Structures are given as C-alpha cells and as structure tokens.
Protein backbone atom coordinates (compact mmCIF):
# COMPACT_ATOMS: atom_id res chain seq x y z
CA MET A 1 118.10 63.98 -114.61
CA ASN A 2 116.75 60.50 -113.41
CA THR A 3 112.95 60.16 -114.42
CA ALA A 4 111.07 56.64 -114.01
CA GLU A 5 111.09 56.24 -118.08
CA ASN A 6 115.70 56.59 -117.88
CA ILE A 7 116.59 54.67 -114.77
CA ASN A 8 117.98 51.98 -116.17
CA LEU A 9 118.17 49.25 -113.35
CA GLU A 10 121.12 48.00 -114.37
CA ASP A 11 122.67 50.88 -114.06
CA ILE A 12 122.27 50.54 -110.20
CA PHE A 13 122.54 46.37 -110.06
CA GLY A 14 125.42 45.18 -112.79
CA ASN A 15 124.36 42.17 -115.16
CA ALA A 16 122.75 38.82 -114.07
CA GLY A 17 121.99 40.50 -110.98
CA ALA A 18 125.65 39.81 -109.69
CA ALA A 19 126.78 42.21 -106.50
CA THR A 20 127.86 45.61 -107.45
CA ALA A 21 130.98 46.63 -106.07
CA VAL A 22 131.08 49.40 -104.00
CA ASN A 23 134.51 51.98 -104.09
CA LEU A 24 133.99 53.79 -100.82
CA PRO A 25 136.49 56.73 -100.48
CA THR A 26 136.49 55.88 -96.83
CA THR A 27 136.12 52.63 -94.93
CA SER A 28 136.31 52.94 -91.08
CA THR A 29 135.56 51.13 -87.99
CA ALA A 30 135.39 52.58 -84.44
CA ASP A 31 135.82 51.13 -80.94
CA LYS A 32 133.32 51.70 -78.13
CA ALA A 33 136.20 54.15 -76.17
CA THR A 34 136.16 56.52 -79.54
CA VAL A 35 132.33 56.20 -80.99
CA ASN A 36 131.54 59.56 -79.44
CA LEU A 37 134.25 61.63 -80.85
CA LEU A 38 133.90 60.32 -84.93
CA LEU A 39 135.54 62.44 -87.55
CA PRO A 40 134.38 63.29 -90.50
CA GLY A 41 134.41 60.01 -92.86
CA VAL A 42 132.52 56.33 -93.77
CA TYR A 43 131.66 53.86 -90.64
CA HIS A 44 130.97 50.49 -91.13
CA ASP A 45 130.93 48.80 -87.59
CA ILE A 46 129.29 51.75 -85.31
CA PRO A 47 126.14 49.88 -83.55
CA ALA A 48 122.49 51.31 -83.84
CA ALA A 49 122.89 52.13 -80.11
CA ASP A 50 125.86 53.93 -80.56
CA TYR A 51 124.87 55.92 -83.67
CA HIS A 52 122.30 57.37 -81.96
CA ARG A 53 124.25 58.50 -79.21
CA LEU A 54 126.47 60.58 -81.27
CA PRO A 55 125.39 64.17 -80.61
CA TYR A 56 125.60 65.55 -84.12
CA ILE A 57 122.90 66.69 -86.26
CA SER A 58 120.53 64.13 -87.64
CA SER A 59 117.47 63.99 -90.16
CA SER A 60 115.21 62.90 -87.01
CA PHE A 61 116.76 66.09 -85.02
CA LEU A 62 115.40 68.23 -88.58
CA LYS A 63 112.04 66.98 -89.31
CA LYS A 64 111.07 67.58 -85.79
CA PHE A 65 112.88 70.90 -86.37
CA LYS A 66 111.20 71.59 -89.09
CA GLY A 67 107.90 71.24 -87.01
CA ASN A 68 108.72 73.16 -84.13
CA PRO A 69 112.57 74.22 -83.14
CA ALA A 70 111.85 73.42 -79.15
CA GLY A 71 110.12 70.39 -79.53
CA ALA A 72 112.81 69.16 -81.20
CA LEU A 73 114.94 69.40 -77.83
CA LEU A 74 112.54 66.63 -76.39
CA PRO A 75 113.03 63.23 -75.97
CA VAL A 76 111.30 60.39 -78.63
CA ASN A 77 108.58 58.81 -77.45
CA GLN A 78 108.96 55.21 -79.02
CA THR A 79 105.19 54.26 -80.19
CA PRO A 80 104.15 50.93 -80.28
CA ALA A 81 104.86 51.76 -84.56
CA MET A 82 108.13 52.83 -83.96
CA VAL A 83 109.02 49.99 -82.37
CA LEU A 84 107.81 47.63 -84.70
CA GLY A 85 109.40 49.23 -87.80
CA SER A 86 113.06 49.54 -85.52
CA ALA A 87 112.66 45.92 -84.83
CA SER A 88 111.66 44.79 -88.53
CA HIS A 89 114.66 46.58 -89.73
CA ALA A 90 116.70 45.40 -87.61
CA TYR A 91 115.69 41.78 -89.00
CA SER A 92 115.58 42.25 -92.34
CA LEU A 93 118.64 44.55 -92.72
CA GLU A 94 120.65 43.51 -90.00
CA GLY A 95 119.61 39.37 -89.26
CA GLU A 96 118.91 38.09 -87.14
CA ALA A 97 121.85 37.65 -85.12
CA ALA A 98 121.92 41.51 -84.93
CA PHE A 99 117.84 41.45 -84.31
CA LEU A 100 118.71 38.87 -80.84
CA LYS A 101 121.25 41.34 -79.38
CA GLU A 102 118.40 43.95 -79.26
CA TYR A 103 115.29 42.77 -78.87
CA ALA A 104 113.31 39.55 -76.96
CA VAL A 105 110.49 38.13 -78.15
CA ALA A 106 107.55 37.31 -75.20
CA PRO A 107 107.71 33.48 -73.81
CA GLU A 108 104.66 31.35 -74.66
CA ILE A 109 103.94 29.84 -71.50
CA PRO A 110 101.37 27.14 -71.54
CA CYS A 111 99.01 26.18 -69.19
CA PRO A 112 100.26 23.45 -67.58
CA ALA A 113 96.89 20.34 -67.95
CA THR A 114 96.32 20.61 -64.31
CA ARG A 115 95.79 23.56 -63.97
CA ASN A 116 92.81 26.33 -65.45
CA VAL A 117 93.32 27.92 -68.91
CA LYS A 118 91.57 30.90 -67.22
CA GLY A 119 93.26 31.34 -64.39
CA TRP A 120 96.81 30.41 -65.09
CA LYS A 121 98.24 34.19 -65.63
CA ASN A 122 97.15 35.16 -62.53
CA THR A 123 99.50 32.34 -60.70
CA ASN A 124 102.63 32.55 -59.14
CA GLU A 125 104.37 29.72 -60.76
CA TYR A 126 102.99 32.43 -64.37
CA LYS A 127 104.61 35.22 -63.30
CA GLU A 128 107.48 33.58 -61.53
CA GLN A 129 108.17 32.93 -65.76
CA ILE A 130 107.59 36.23 -67.28
CA GLU A 131 109.48 37.42 -64.16
CA ALA A 132 112.94 35.42 -65.09
CA PHE A 133 112.01 36.07 -68.58
CA MET A 134 112.07 40.28 -67.69
CA SER A 135 115.02 39.61 -65.47
CA ALA A 136 117.40 37.86 -68.48
CA ASN A 137 116.55 40.58 -70.74
CA THR A 138 116.79 43.57 -69.43
CA SER A 139 118.58 44.94 -72.13
CA ARG A 140 117.17 43.84 -74.81
CA ILE A 141 113.81 45.89 -76.11
CA ILE A 142 110.94 42.92 -75.41
CA LEU A 143 108.72 42.29 -78.07
CA THR A 144 104.83 40.46 -78.17
CA ARG A 145 104.33 37.46 -80.55
CA GLU A 146 102.12 39.38 -82.58
CA GLN A 147 105.00 42.14 -83.40
CA TYR A 148 107.32 38.77 -84.12
CA THR A 149 104.85 37.67 -86.23
CA ASP A 150 104.83 40.49 -88.35
CA ILE A 151 108.19 41.02 -88.72
CA LEU A 152 108.51 37.81 -89.69
CA GLY A 153 105.65 38.43 -92.07
CA ILE A 154 107.03 41.45 -93.88
CA HIS A 155 110.59 39.75 -93.87
CA ALA A 156 109.11 37.07 -96.08
CA SER A 157 107.39 39.73 -98.24
CA LEU A 158 110.23 42.19 -98.44
CA GLN A 159 112.17 38.86 -99.66
CA SER A 160 110.29 37.50 -102.03
CA HIS A 161 109.68 41.25 -103.42
CA PRO A 162 112.29 41.62 -107.64
CA LEU A 163 113.03 44.56 -106.76
CA ALA A 164 112.83 45.40 -103.10
CA SER A 165 114.96 42.01 -102.62
CA THR A 166 117.61 42.86 -104.71
CA LEU A 167 117.78 47.10 -103.88
CA LEU A 168 118.38 45.17 -99.64
CA ARG A 169 120.44 42.79 -101.07
CA GLN A 170 123.26 44.35 -102.34
CA GLY A 171 126.13 46.31 -101.62
CA CYS A 172 126.75 47.97 -98.05
CA GLN A 173 124.34 48.35 -95.23
CA GLU A 174 123.97 50.30 -92.43
CA LEU A 175 126.56 52.91 -93.21
CA THR A 176 127.73 55.45 -90.75
CA LEU A 177 128.56 58.77 -92.20
CA ILE A 178 129.85 61.47 -90.47
CA TRP A 179 130.44 65.42 -91.80
CA ASP A 180 130.44 69.23 -91.29
CA ASP A 181 128.03 70.98 -93.40
CA PRO A 182 130.30 73.40 -95.92
CA GLU A 183 127.94 76.50 -94.70
CA THR A 184 127.19 76.32 -91.65
CA GLY A 185 129.87 74.02 -89.96
CA LEU A 186 127.69 71.85 -87.96
CA ARG A 187 128.67 67.81 -87.97
CA CYS A 188 126.14 65.91 -89.38
CA LYS A 189 125.39 62.40 -88.97
CA ALA A 190 123.37 59.82 -90.78
CA ARG A 191 122.62 56.41 -91.26
CA ILE A 192 122.11 54.76 -94.47
CA ASP A 193 119.96 51.96 -94.24
CA HIS A 194 121.73 50.72 -98.21
CA ASN A 195 124.34 51.29 -100.90
CA PRO A 196 123.77 49.40 -102.93
CA GLY A 197 126.12 50.98 -105.55
CA ARG A 198 125.83 52.77 -108.63
CA ASN A 199 124.97 56.23 -107.10
CA VAL A 200 122.02 54.84 -105.51
CA LEU A 201 121.02 55.16 -101.57
CA VAL A 202 118.24 53.32 -100.06
CA ASP A 203 116.18 53.58 -97.13
CA TYR A 204 113.87 51.14 -95.74
CA LYS A 205 110.45 52.10 -93.72
CA THR A 206 107.48 50.29 -92.71
CA CYS A 207 104.03 51.80 -92.50
CA ALA A 208 100.58 51.05 -92.37
CA ASP A 209 99.39 51.67 -95.68
CA SER A 210 101.62 52.02 -98.69
CA ASP A 211 99.37 53.21 -100.92
CA ARG A 212 99.63 56.51 -98.77
CA PHE A 213 103.29 56.32 -98.66
CA PRO A 214 104.50 59.16 -101.04
CA ASN A 215 102.21 61.29 -99.00
CA GLN A 216 103.83 60.10 -95.99
CA ILE A 217 107.17 61.51 -97.26
CA ILE A 218 105.55 64.84 -97.26
CA ASN A 219 104.03 64.74 -94.35
CA LEU A 220 106.65 62.62 -92.03
CA ASN A 221 109.04 64.96 -94.07
CA TYR A 222 110.82 61.84 -95.43
CA ASP A 223 111.69 64.38 -98.00
CA ILE A 224 114.46 66.42 -95.63
CA GLN A 225 115.56 62.71 -94.54
CA GLY A 226 116.96 62.03 -97.95
CA ALA A 227 118.29 65.08 -98.92
CA HIS A 228 120.57 64.78 -95.18
CA TYR A 229 121.61 61.60 -96.50
CA SER A 230 122.19 62.57 -99.69
CA MET A 231 124.42 65.56 -99.19
CA GLY A 232 126.64 63.49 -96.01
CA ALA A 233 126.66 61.20 -99.06
CA GLU A 234 128.06 63.56 -101.17
CA ALA A 235 130.61 64.98 -99.00
CA ASN A 236 132.18 61.79 -98.43
CA GLY A 237 132.62 61.27 -101.96
CA ILE A 238 130.03 58.62 -102.57
CA GLU A 239 127.81 59.91 -105.56
CA SER A 240 124.03 59.41 -104.79
CA ASP A 241 121.96 60.43 -108.11
CA THR A 242 119.23 58.04 -106.56
CA PHE A 243 117.30 57.95 -103.71
CA ILE A 244 114.81 55.44 -103.66
CA PHE A 245 112.49 54.20 -100.44
CA VAL A 246 111.25 50.46 -99.93
CA ALA A 247 107.97 50.52 -97.90
CA ALA A 248 106.58 47.89 -96.02
CA GLU A 249 102.69 47.55 -94.77
CA THR A 250 103.16 46.27 -90.92
CA SER A 251 99.77 44.00 -91.54
CA GLU A 252 99.02 41.24 -93.94
CA PRO A 253 99.32 40.66 -96.75
CA TYR A 254 102.42 43.19 -95.77
CA PRO A 255 102.94 44.82 -99.95
CA VAL A 256 105.57 46.05 -100.58
CA ARG A 257 106.52 49.38 -102.73
CA CYS A 258 109.33 50.69 -103.86
CA GLY A 259 109.72 54.59 -105.56
CA PHE A 260 112.44 57.37 -105.65
CA ILE A 261 112.04 60.98 -105.14
CA HIS A 262 112.37 62.79 -108.74
CA PRO A 263 115.30 65.16 -109.26
CA GLU A 264 113.60 68.15 -108.78
CA TRP A 265 111.78 67.46 -105.74
CA MET A 266 115.14 66.52 -103.99
CA GLU A 267 117.07 69.41 -105.18
CA TRP A 268 114.13 71.18 -103.64
CA ALA A 269 114.15 69.54 -100.18
CA LYS A 270 118.14 69.46 -100.34
CA GLY A 271 117.66 73.15 -100.45
CA GLU A 272 114.94 73.11 -97.62
CA THR A 273 118.01 70.83 -95.23
CA ARG A 274 120.03 73.86 -95.91
CA ARG A 275 117.36 76.62 -94.61
CA LEU A 276 117.09 74.50 -91.87
CA LEU A 277 120.82 73.63 -90.67
CA ALA A 278 121.34 77.34 -91.66
CA LEU A 279 117.87 78.02 -88.89
CA VAL A 280 119.71 75.40 -86.37
CA LYS A 281 123.20 77.21 -86.35
CA GLU A 282 121.52 80.39 -85.11
CA CYS A 283 119.02 78.78 -82.63
CA LYS A 284 122.27 76.97 -81.02
CA GLU A 285 124.37 80.82 -81.25
CA ARG A 286 121.40 82.49 -79.95
CA GLY A 287 120.33 79.86 -77.15
CA LEU A 288 116.62 80.23 -78.41
CA TYR A 289 114.44 77.60 -79.67
CA PRO A 290 111.26 79.09 -80.46
CA ASN A 291 108.21 76.65 -79.64
CA TYR A 292 106.18 77.22 -83.11
CA GLU A 293 107.25 76.08 -86.75
CA ILE A 294 109.42 78.81 -88.32
CA PRO A 295 107.38 79.40 -92.16
CA GLY A 296 108.87 78.18 -95.32
CA HIS A 297 109.93 81.71 -96.47
CA ILE A 298 112.13 82.37 -93.46
CA CYS A 299 116.15 81.86 -92.87
CA SER A 300 116.94 83.85 -90.31
CA LEU A 301 114.98 84.83 -86.68
CA ASP A 302 115.54 87.88 -87.41
CA GLN A 303 112.89 88.17 -90.68
CA ILE A 304 109.94 86.54 -88.74
CA THR A 305 107.17 88.81 -87.85
CA PRO A 306 103.66 89.10 -86.60
CA SER A 307 101.59 88.37 -89.77
CA ASP A 308 104.32 85.69 -90.83
CA LEU A 309 102.59 83.51 -88.15
CA LEU A 310 98.92 84.22 -89.17
CA GLU A 311 97.94 81.00 -91.26
CA GLU A 312 94.92 81.02 -93.00
CA TRP A 313 92.65 78.28 -92.41
CA ALA A 314 89.70 77.28 -94.67
CA MET A 315 86.73 75.41 -94.68
CA PRO A 316 86.98 71.32 -95.14
CA LYS A 317 85.69 70.05 -98.32
CA TRP A 318 83.32 67.43 -96.47
CA ARG A 319 81.16 70.84 -94.43
C-alpha cells in the first residue's frame, strides 16, 4: 500500500529525470468521421471538443448524478472560473498552438492620440475593430487580457515547481479511455491529463485556494473522478496504483500543491463509483431520474423510504 512515507519518486520518474517509457496496451487514433463510434481502447488524438461529445458515462456526469440525478441531465453552464481552468489546462498541458485553436485573447486597441481616452470605447472606430475581431474568432472562446495574464502566470508557476513540472512533462498526456463497465455494461469514458508511467495517473486542477484543495476533493467529488479514471485505466490494462492531483491557484503568486489520494480512500471512491454506475443503469432503464440526492447507503431506487430523505440539521458552531 502506498503512503506518503514509502512512495519512491524514482519508481515514478526513473533515474536522472529521464522520461519514463510508458507501455500502453492499446494505442489508437480516430478520425472525425468515427469519433462518435469509438470502441473500448486508448486513444491519443481525440480533440477535447470531440471527447466531450462522446455519448458515454463520464466522471463529470457521475459527479452531478451523485448530487442530483435529474440535474445530471441538464447542460453545464460554464462559469468564469471553469473557463479559466479549461483554458489554463489547454495552455499548460497541450501547448500554445493547441490553446490558440480553441481560445482567442481580446485585443488591446489603444486610443489614437487624436481621440479622447474617456470616450474611445464608445466610438464607431473602436466598435468596428472589436466586431472584426469577434467575426474572425467565432469558433473560439474569447478570453480577457486579465484571464490570459493569469494563464501565463499559472503556467510559469507550474514550470518552476520541481514536482509538478516533472509530473506534467513526462509520459503521455490527454489520453482518451473508452471501456465497458464490467458490472453494468455501461460504456464509459475518461480523459486523463497525464500518465507519466510507473502506475501513476495525474490530474491538473485550478483552484481559488490551494490550502483548501484537499477539502475540494470531497466537496466537488474529485475522488469520484479519480476512481472513475483509475477504473478506466485498469479496464484498458493500464495499472494505476497512485492518483495524483496537481492544484494551482488562479491568482498571484499562483502557488502549486501536489498530493495523492490515499489507497484506502481510493478503494472507498471506487466502491462509491460502482454504486453510482449501478444507479445510473437503473435510472436509464426506468426512465426515472430522482430530483434529490440518493443517500449513500442506497444501492437501488426500490430501497428508498421517506425516512431515508429526512436530514438532521445541527446548529452551526457560530450560533
């Protein structure tokens, strides 16, 4: 069992910081015409947009399902924090070229010396330049200059971090995994940020406060994500004894923390993921998605009683 005391980083990275060879059982590519019909396997060249269109069970769906099954069917509204996180992910993990295919940074249009600075943005000349920029970037997500500054700052911080830079540099990145869950038969998907080799999976997250990130693993069900990814790796013959999160703050000085989910916690998360997959299958078969959280001890909708949904609300400590 891996603990913080007995994990040997040389077992993960090899000697002298050399890139570790990754032995993947399946290495495939897919063209755009067949991307929606992917069979179980490991895919290296699936664009993020195509991955998200795959109609399979993802960890994002399971995390929403855990909180409210009916809510899991609704589209996700992207918040500014989510946009920044996705953009930082693209820049730092996929590279600037891939980033620029999906994102565009709002231009700085300086006020001519002959114009009044205060009224410059209300002029037709300014508006025409903005309109031309928007027309040229209809297929890309527009970021503010401030967001782009944060993305560059986060990237620099990741690159200067001795462990994070190694985790995100070596091995294979952006692996799409497709598999059929052995217990439910549901076809599942996952997109692993990094597989540096040596039985390790890595997921990169942005956050507002890295000191509170361990709590976010619970509050945002990141442990379910880690379990789902690990189960997908195992289904495809990729061993994954250790699941590591790299968490970077989105404001200066962009501190970075790295940590892994304890094996006992991971085993619990895998059991919880199996429970959720079984409930998803039941909901799909019945065409019934409850609009309340299904209690953790419930493994079938038939087990739910009214008393299971009665919560005890204790007085807050600050009262």
